[in-house]
């Protein structure tokens, strides 16, 4: 089922996006600056986009706005470079904070935190999409 922007079926919490375990093929590598480097399944641009979405999750505090932003980014022809346009389309005013974050150690740390949480899921995430509600995997929702 595809959800169109602004058409959520009711209360919905996306606890973490993106599906990190399919982003990184191995453990993250800590850098001297205190951040992390990632190896992504679909290349460096995937890491860039995932890091932007991790930052957006922190700075977009209204869940509906975050979901709309995420849908806009993931629906674009160039997701890693669509953040500013999607911020304007959704009407959020925190793009400067997201932009500063996703090109910094802060963004690397946030994406790493998503990875730690994803790797700790029980049962283990083995395909996408993967539903998690209140910290619990919901296999019946995933089928």
N, C-alpha and C. Protein backbone atom coordinates (compact mmCIF):
# COMPACT_ATOMS: atom_id res chain seq x y z
N UNK A 1 0.84 -1.18 0.00
CA UNK A 1 0.00 0.00 0.00
C UNK A 1 0.88 1.24 0.00
N UNK A 2 0.62 2.15 -0.86
CA UNK A 2 1.35 3.41 -0.89
C UNK A 2 0.56 4.46 -0.13
N UNK A 3 1.26 5.21 0.69
CA UNK A 3 0.63 6.33 1.39
C UNK A 3 1.00 7.60 0.66
N UNK A 4 0.02 8.37 0.30
CA UNK A 4 0.27 9.65 -0.32
C UNK A 4 0.54 10.67 0.77
N UNK A 5 1.29 11.68 0.42
CA UNK A 5 1.60 12.74 1.37
C UNK A 5 0.33 13.29 1.98
N UNK A 6 0.31 13.37 3.32
CA UNK A 6 -0.83 13.93 4.02
C UNK A 6 -1.99 12.97 4.22
N UNK A 7 -1.84 11.71 3.81
CA UNK A 7 -2.94 10.76 3.91
C UNK A 7 -2.59 9.61 4.85
N UNK A 8 -2.21 9.91 6.07
CA UNK A 8 -1.92 8.88 7.04
C UNK A 8 -3.22 8.29 7.56
N UNK A 9 -3.25 6.98 7.84
CA UNK A 9 -4.48 6.35 8.27
C UNK A 9 -4.81 6.62 9.73
N UNK A 10 -4.05 7.37 10.42
CA UNK A 10 -4.27 7.63 11.84
C UNK A 10 -2.93 7.77 12.51
N UNK A 11 -2.87 7.61 13.83
CA UNK A 11 -1.59 7.74 14.52
C UNK A 11 -0.58 6.74 13.97
N UNK A 12 0.55 7.24 13.58
CA UNK A 12 1.60 6.41 13.01
C UNK A 12 2.92 6.96 13.49
N UNK A 13 3.78 6.10 13.96
CA UNK A 13 5.11 6.54 14.39
C UNK A 13 6.16 5.81 13.59
N UNK A 14 6.94 6.54 12.85
CA UNK A 14 8.09 5.95 12.18
C UNK A 14 9.25 6.18 13.12
N UNK A 15 9.65 5.12 13.80
CA UNK A 15 10.66 5.29 14.83
C UNK A 15 12.02 5.51 14.22
N UNK A 16 12.32 4.85 13.14
CA UNK A 16 13.60 5.05 12.49
C UNK A 16 13.43 4.84 11.00
N UNK A 17 14.00 5.68 10.26
CA UNK A 17 14.09 5.57 8.83
C UNK A 17 15.48 6.02 8.48
N UNK A 18 16.11 5.43 7.63
CA UNK A 18 15.79 4.40 6.67
C UNK A 18 16.00 3.00 7.23
N UNK A 19 15.74 1.97 6.41
CA UNK A 19 16.01 0.60 6.83
C UNK A 19 17.52 0.38 6.83
N UNK A 20 18.13 0.79 7.89
CA UNK A 20 19.58 0.90 7.98
C UNK A 20 20.32 -0.38 7.62
N UNK A 21 19.83 -1.51 8.04
CA UNK A 21 20.59 -2.74 7.84
C UNK A 21 20.82 -3.01 6.35
N UNK A 22 19.96 -2.48 5.50
CA UNK A 22 20.17 -2.61 4.07
C UNK A 22 20.99 -1.46 3.50
N UNK A 23 21.32 -0.51 4.35
CA UNK A 23 22.18 0.59 3.95
C UNK A 23 23.64 0.20 4.09
N UNK A 24 23.97 -0.37 5.21
CA UNK A 24 25.37 -0.64 5.51
C UNK A 24 25.62 -2.14 5.46
N UNK A 25 26.63 -2.52 4.71
CA UNK A 25 26.90 -3.94 4.54
C UNK A 25 27.79 -4.50 5.65
N UNK A 26 28.27 -3.65 6.51
CA UNK A 26 29.13 -4.11 7.61
C UNK A 26 29.06 -3.08 8.73
N UNK A 27 29.73 -3.39 9.83
CA UNK A 27 29.75 -2.46 10.95
C UNK A 27 30.31 -1.11 10.50
N UNK A 28 29.83 -0.05 11.12
CA UNK A 28 30.31 1.29 10.81
C UNK A 28 31.75 1.44 11.30
N UNK A 29 32.51 2.26 10.61
CA UNK A 29 33.89 2.51 10.98
C UNK A 29 33.98 3.87 11.65
N UNK A 30 34.48 3.88 12.88
CA UNK A 30 34.62 5.13 13.61
C UNK A 30 35.76 5.96 13.01
N UNK A 31 35.55 7.28 12.90
CA UNK A 31 36.57 8.16 12.35
C UNK A 31 37.28 8.90 13.47
N UNK A 32 38.42 9.49 13.15
CA UNK A 32 39.20 10.24 14.13
C UNK A 32 38.44 11.46 14.64
N UNK A 33 37.51 11.97 13.84
CA UNK A 33 36.75 13.16 14.22
C UNK A 33 35.59 12.84 15.16
N UNK A 34 35.36 11.57 15.45
CA UNK A 34 34.26 11.19 16.33
C UNK A 34 33.00 10.78 15.61
N UNK A 35 33.05 10.72 14.29
CA UNK A 35 31.91 10.30 13.51
C UNK A 35 32.10 8.88 13.01
N UNK A 36 31.45 8.57 11.90
CA UNK A 36 31.51 7.22 11.34
C UNK A 36 31.54 7.30 9.83
N UNK A 37 32.12 6.27 9.22
CA UNK A 37 32.01 6.13 7.77
C UNK A 37 31.18 4.87 7.51
N UNK A 38 30.48 4.88 6.39
CA UNK A 38 29.54 3.82 6.07
C UNK A 38 29.83 3.28 4.68
N UNK A 39 29.54 2.02 4.49
CA UNK A 39 29.56 1.42 3.16
C UNK A 39 28.13 1.02 2.87
N UNK A 40 27.53 1.63 1.86
CA UNK A 40 26.12 1.40 1.58
C UNK A 40 25.92 0.48 0.39
N UNK A 41 24.85 -0.29 0.46
CA UNK A 41 24.52 -1.28 -0.55
C UNK A 41 24.45 -0.66 -1.94
N UNK A 42 23.87 0.55 -2.06
CA UNK A 42 23.69 1.18 -3.36
C UNK A 42 24.66 2.33 -3.60
N UNK A 43 25.74 2.37 -2.84
CA UNK A 43 26.78 3.36 -3.06
C UNK A 43 26.70 4.57 -2.15
N UNK A 44 27.66 5.48 -2.31
CA UNK A 44 27.77 6.64 -1.43
C UNK A 44 26.56 7.55 -1.39
N UNK A 45 25.84 7.70 -2.51
CA UNK A 45 24.67 8.58 -2.52
C UNK A 45 23.57 8.04 -1.61
N UNK A 46 23.47 6.72 -1.50
CA UNK A 46 22.50 6.15 -0.57
C UNK A 46 22.85 6.54 0.87
N UNK A 47 24.13 6.50 1.21
CA UNK A 47 24.54 6.91 2.55
C UNK A 47 24.20 8.38 2.80
N UNK A 48 24.42 9.22 1.80
CA UNK A 48 24.11 10.65 1.92
C UNK A 48 22.63 10.85 2.20
N UNK A 49 21.79 10.19 1.42
CA UNK A 49 20.35 10.32 1.61
C UNK A 49 19.89 9.78 2.95
N UNK A 50 20.43 8.65 3.37
CA UNK A 50 20.05 8.07 4.65
C UNK A 50 20.49 8.96 5.81
N UNK A 51 21.65 9.56 5.67
CA UNK A 51 22.12 10.48 6.72
C UNK A 51 21.23 11.71 6.79
N UNK A 52 20.80 12.21 5.63
CA UNK A 52 19.89 13.36 5.62
C UNK A 52 18.59 13.00 6.33
N UNK A 53 18.04 11.81 6.06
CA UNK A 53 16.79 11.40 6.69
C UNK A 53 16.96 11.19 8.20
N UNK A 54 18.12 10.71 8.63
CA UNK A 54 18.37 10.57 10.07
C UNK A 54 18.37 11.94 10.73
N UNK A 55 18.97 12.93 10.08
CA UNK A 55 18.97 14.30 10.61
C UNK A 55 17.56 14.88 10.59
N UNK A 56 16.81 14.62 9.53
CA UNK A 56 15.44 15.12 9.44
C UNK A 56 14.61 14.57 10.59
N UNK A 57 14.82 13.30 10.94
CA UNK A 57 14.07 12.69 12.04
C UNK A 57 14.31 13.46 13.34
N UNK A 58 15.53 13.95 13.53
CA UNK A 58 15.84 14.71 14.75
C UNK A 58 15.20 16.09 14.72
N UNK A 59 15.29 16.78 13.60
CA UNK A 59 14.91 18.19 13.55
C UNK A 59 13.45 18.45 13.16
N UNK A 60 12.79 17.51 12.52
CA UNK A 60 11.37 17.69 12.20
C UNK A 60 10.59 17.05 13.34
N UNK A 61 10.05 17.88 14.20
CA UNK A 61 9.45 17.38 15.44
C UNK A 61 7.99 16.97 15.32
N UNK A 62 7.34 17.35 14.24
CA UNK A 62 5.95 16.95 14.02
C UNK A 62 5.99 15.69 13.13
N UNK A 63 5.49 14.57 13.69
CA UNK A 63 5.60 13.28 13.01
C UNK A 63 4.99 13.31 11.61
N UNK A 64 3.83 13.92 11.43
CA UNK A 64 3.20 14.00 10.12
C UNK A 64 4.10 14.73 9.13
N UNK A 65 4.74 15.81 9.57
CA UNK A 65 5.65 16.55 8.69
C UNK A 65 6.85 15.70 8.31
N UNK A 66 7.36 14.92 9.27
CA UNK A 66 8.49 14.04 8.98
C UNK A 66 8.09 12.99 7.95
N UNK A 67 6.92 12.40 8.11
CA UNK A 67 6.45 11.39 7.16
C UNK A 67 6.28 12.02 5.78
N UNK A 68 5.66 13.19 5.71
CA UNK A 68 5.48 13.87 4.42
C UNK A 68 6.83 14.21 3.78
N UNK A 69 7.78 14.67 4.59
CA UNK A 69 9.12 14.97 4.09
C UNK A 69 9.77 13.71 3.53
N UNK A 70 9.67 12.63 4.29
CA UNK A 70 10.27 11.36 3.89
C UNK A 70 9.65 10.87 2.58
N UNK A 71 8.32 10.92 2.47
CA UNK A 71 7.65 10.50 1.24
C UNK A 71 8.10 11.36 0.06
N UNK A 72 8.21 12.66 0.27
CA UNK A 72 8.65 13.56 -0.79
C UNK A 72 10.07 13.20 -1.24
N UNK A 73 10.97 13.03 -0.29
CA UNK A 73 12.37 12.70 -0.62
C UNK A 73 12.43 11.38 -1.38
N UNK A 74 11.78 10.36 -0.85
CA UNK A 74 11.88 9.03 -1.44
C UNK A 74 11.15 8.93 -2.78
N UNK A 75 10.23 9.86 -3.05
CA UNK A 75 9.49 9.87 -4.33
C UNK A 75 10.20 10.67 -5.40
N UNK A 76 11.22 11.40 -5.03
CA UNK A 76 11.88 12.28 -6.00
C UNK A 76 12.80 11.48 -6.93
N UNK A 77 13.18 12.11 -8.02
CA UNK A 77 14.10 11.47 -8.95
C UNK A 77 15.51 11.41 -8.41
N UNK A 78 15.84 12.27 -7.44
CA UNK A 78 17.19 12.35 -6.88
C UNK A 78 17.10 12.54 -5.36
N UNK A 79 16.71 11.49 -4.63
CA UNK A 79 16.47 11.64 -3.19
C UNK A 79 17.58 12.34 -2.40
N UNK A 80 18.86 12.01 -2.59
CA UNK A 80 19.88 12.68 -1.77
C UNK A 80 19.97 14.19 -1.95
N UNK A 81 19.45 14.69 -3.07
CA UNK A 81 19.53 16.12 -3.34
C UNK A 81 18.17 16.82 -3.34
N UNK A 82 17.18 16.19 -2.75
CA UNK A 82 15.83 16.75 -2.79
C UNK A 82 15.39 17.36 -1.46
N UNK A 83 16.24 17.34 -0.46
CA UNK A 83 15.84 17.78 0.87
C UNK A 83 15.35 19.21 0.94
N UNK A 84 16.06 20.12 0.33
CA UNK A 84 15.66 21.53 0.40
C UNK A 84 14.31 21.76 -0.28
N UNK A 85 14.15 21.19 -1.48
CA UNK A 85 12.88 21.34 -2.19
C UNK A 85 11.74 20.68 -1.42
N UNK A 86 11.99 19.52 -0.83
CA UNK A 86 10.94 18.84 -0.07
C UNK A 86 10.61 19.60 1.21
N UNK A 87 11.60 20.22 1.82
CA UNK A 87 11.32 21.05 3.00
C UNK A 87 10.36 22.17 2.64
N UNK A 88 10.61 22.81 1.51
CA UNK A 88 9.73 23.89 1.06
C UNK A 88 8.34 23.36 0.73
N UNK A 89 8.28 22.21 0.05
CA UNK A 89 6.99 21.63 -0.33
C UNK A 89 6.16 21.25 0.89
N UNK A 90 6.82 20.69 1.91
CA UNK A 90 6.11 20.25 3.12
C UNK A 90 5.83 21.44 4.04
N UNK A 91 6.61 22.51 3.89
CA UNK A 91 6.40 23.70 4.71
C UNK A 91 7.11 23.66 6.05
N UNK A 92 8.24 22.97 6.10
CA UNK A 92 9.02 22.94 7.34
C UNK A 92 10.11 24.00 7.26
N UNK A 93 10.47 24.54 8.40
CA UNK A 93 11.42 25.65 8.42
C UNK A 93 12.77 25.27 9.01
N UNK A 94 13.03 23.97 9.14
CA UNK A 94 14.27 23.54 9.79
C UNK A 94 15.32 23.05 8.80
N UNK A 95 15.14 23.33 7.50
CA UNK A 95 16.12 22.87 6.52
C UNK A 95 17.54 23.31 6.86
N UNK A 96 17.79 24.55 7.32
CA UNK A 96 19.17 24.90 7.66
C UNK A 96 19.79 23.97 8.71
N UNK A 97 19.00 23.54 9.69
CA UNK A 97 19.52 22.62 10.71
C UNK A 97 19.77 21.24 10.12
N UNK A 98 18.85 20.75 9.29
CA UNK A 98 19.03 19.45 8.64
C UNK A 98 20.25 19.49 7.74
N UNK A 99 20.39 20.55 6.96
CA UNK A 99 21.51 20.69 6.03
C UNK A 99 22.84 20.71 6.74
N UNK A 100 22.92 21.44 7.83
CA UNK A 100 24.16 21.48 8.61
C UNK A 100 24.46 20.12 9.22
N UNK A 101 23.43 19.43 9.66
CA UNK A 101 23.58 18.12 10.31
C UNK A 101 24.07 17.06 9.34
N UNK A 102 23.43 16.92 8.20
CA UNK A 102 23.71 15.76 7.34
C UNK A 102 25.06 15.84 6.65
N UNK A 103 25.74 16.96 6.76
CA UNK A 103 27.08 17.08 6.20
C UNK A 103 28.13 17.15 7.31
N UNK A 104 27.79 16.65 8.50
CA UNK A 104 28.67 16.80 9.65
C UNK A 104 28.80 15.50 10.44
N UNK A 105 29.64 15.54 11.45
CA UNK A 105 29.80 14.42 12.37
C UNK A 105 28.47 14.12 13.06
N UNK A 106 27.68 15.15 13.34
CA UNK A 106 26.37 14.93 13.97
C UNK A 106 25.53 13.97 13.13
N UNK A 107 25.48 14.18 11.83
CA UNK A 107 24.72 13.30 10.95
C UNK A 107 25.26 11.88 10.94
N UNK A 108 26.57 11.75 10.96
CA UNK A 108 27.19 10.42 11.01
C UNK A 108 26.80 9.71 12.30
N UNK A 109 26.82 10.44 13.40
CA UNK A 109 26.46 9.85 14.69
C UNK A 109 24.98 9.44 14.71
N UNK A 110 24.11 10.27 14.15
CA UNK A 110 22.69 9.94 14.11
C UNK A 110 22.42 8.70 13.27
N UNK A 111 23.07 8.59 12.11
CA UNK A 111 22.87 7.41 11.27
C UNK A 111 23.43 6.17 11.97
N UNK A 112 24.54 6.31 12.65
CA UNK A 112 25.10 5.19 13.42
C UNK A 112 24.11 4.73 14.49
N UNK A 113 23.47 5.69 15.19
CA UNK A 113 22.48 5.34 16.21
C UNK A 113 21.31 4.56 15.61
N UNK A 114 20.89 4.95 14.40
CA UNK A 114 19.84 4.20 13.71
C UNK A 114 20.31 2.77 13.49
N UNK A 115 21.57 2.62 13.10
CA UNK A 115 22.13 1.29 12.87
C UNK A 115 22.17 0.44 14.12
N UNK A 116 22.55 1.03 15.23
CA UNK A 116 22.59 0.29 16.50
C UNK A 116 21.19 -0.22 16.84
N UNK A 117 20.18 0.64 16.70
CA UNK A 117 18.80 0.24 17.00
C UNK A 117 18.31 -0.82 16.02
N UNK A 118 18.64 -0.66 14.75
CA UNK A 118 18.19 -1.62 13.75
C UNK A 118 18.81 -2.99 13.98
N UNK A 119 20.10 -3.01 14.29
CA UNK A 119 20.77 -4.29 14.53
C UNK A 119 20.26 -5.00 15.78
N UNK A 120 19.63 -4.25 16.69
CA UNK A 120 19.12 -4.82 17.93
C UNK A 120 17.67 -5.31 17.82
N UNK A 121 17.03 -5.14 16.66
CA UNK A 121 15.64 -5.57 16.51
C UNK A 121 15.51 -7.07 16.74
N UNK A 122 14.41 -7.46 17.36
CA UNK A 122 14.11 -8.86 17.59
C UNK A 122 12.64 -9.07 17.30
N UNK A 123 12.26 -9.80 16.27
CA UNK A 123 13.16 -10.55 15.39
C UNK A 123 13.97 -9.62 14.51
N UNK A 124 15.03 -10.17 13.96
CA UNK A 124 15.95 -9.41 13.13
C UNK A 124 15.27 -8.99 11.83
N UNK A 125 15.47 -7.74 11.45
CA UNK A 125 14.95 -7.23 10.18
C UNK A 125 15.56 -8.04 9.05
N UNK A 126 14.72 -8.58 8.17
CA UNK A 126 15.26 -9.35 7.05
C UNK A 126 14.67 -8.96 5.70
N UNK A 127 13.82 -7.93 5.70
CA UNK A 127 13.31 -7.38 4.44
C UNK A 127 12.69 -6.03 4.75
N UNK A 128 12.36 -5.28 3.72
CA UNK A 128 11.70 -3.99 3.91
C UNK A 128 10.43 -3.97 3.07
N UNK A 129 9.41 -3.27 3.51
CA UNK A 129 9.37 -2.48 4.74
C UNK A 129 9.25 -3.36 5.97
N UNK A 130 9.65 -2.84 7.09
CA UNK A 130 9.65 -3.56 8.37
C UNK A 130 8.98 -2.67 9.39
N UNK A 131 7.87 -3.12 9.95
CA UNK A 131 7.10 -2.31 10.89
C UNK A 131 7.58 -2.54 12.32
N UNK A 132 7.80 -1.44 13.03
CA UNK A 132 8.13 -1.47 14.45
C UNK A 132 7.20 -0.48 15.13
N UNK A 133 6.51 -0.93 16.16
CA UNK A 133 5.59 -0.08 16.90
C UNK A 133 5.90 -0.20 18.38
N UNK A 134 6.09 0.93 19.04
CA UNK A 134 6.44 0.94 20.46
C UNK A 134 7.67 0.08 20.75
N UNK A 135 8.63 0.08 19.83
CA UNK A 135 9.87 -0.65 20.02
C UNK A 135 9.77 -2.15 19.78
N UNK A 136 8.63 -2.63 19.29
CA UNK A 136 8.42 -4.06 19.08
C UNK A 136 8.19 -4.31 17.59
N UNK A 137 8.92 -5.29 17.03
CA UNK A 137 8.69 -5.68 15.64
C UNK A 137 7.31 -6.29 15.52
N UNK A 138 6.61 -5.96 14.46
CA UNK A 138 5.25 -6.44 14.24
C UNK A 138 5.20 -7.28 12.97
N UNK A 139 5.64 -8.57 13.03
CA UNK A 139 5.67 -9.39 11.82
C UNK A 139 4.34 -9.48 11.10
N UNK A 140 3.23 -9.51 11.82
CA UNK A 140 1.92 -9.60 11.16
C UNK A 140 1.67 -8.38 10.29
N UNK A 141 2.19 -7.22 10.69
CA UNK A 141 2.04 -6.01 9.89
C UNK A 141 2.96 -6.01 8.69
N UNK A 142 4.02 -6.80 8.77
CA UNK A 142 5.02 -6.78 7.72
C UNK A 142 4.65 -7.67 6.54
N UNK A 143 3.68 -8.55 6.70
CA UNK A 143 3.32 -9.48 5.64
C UNK A 143 2.24 -8.92 4.74
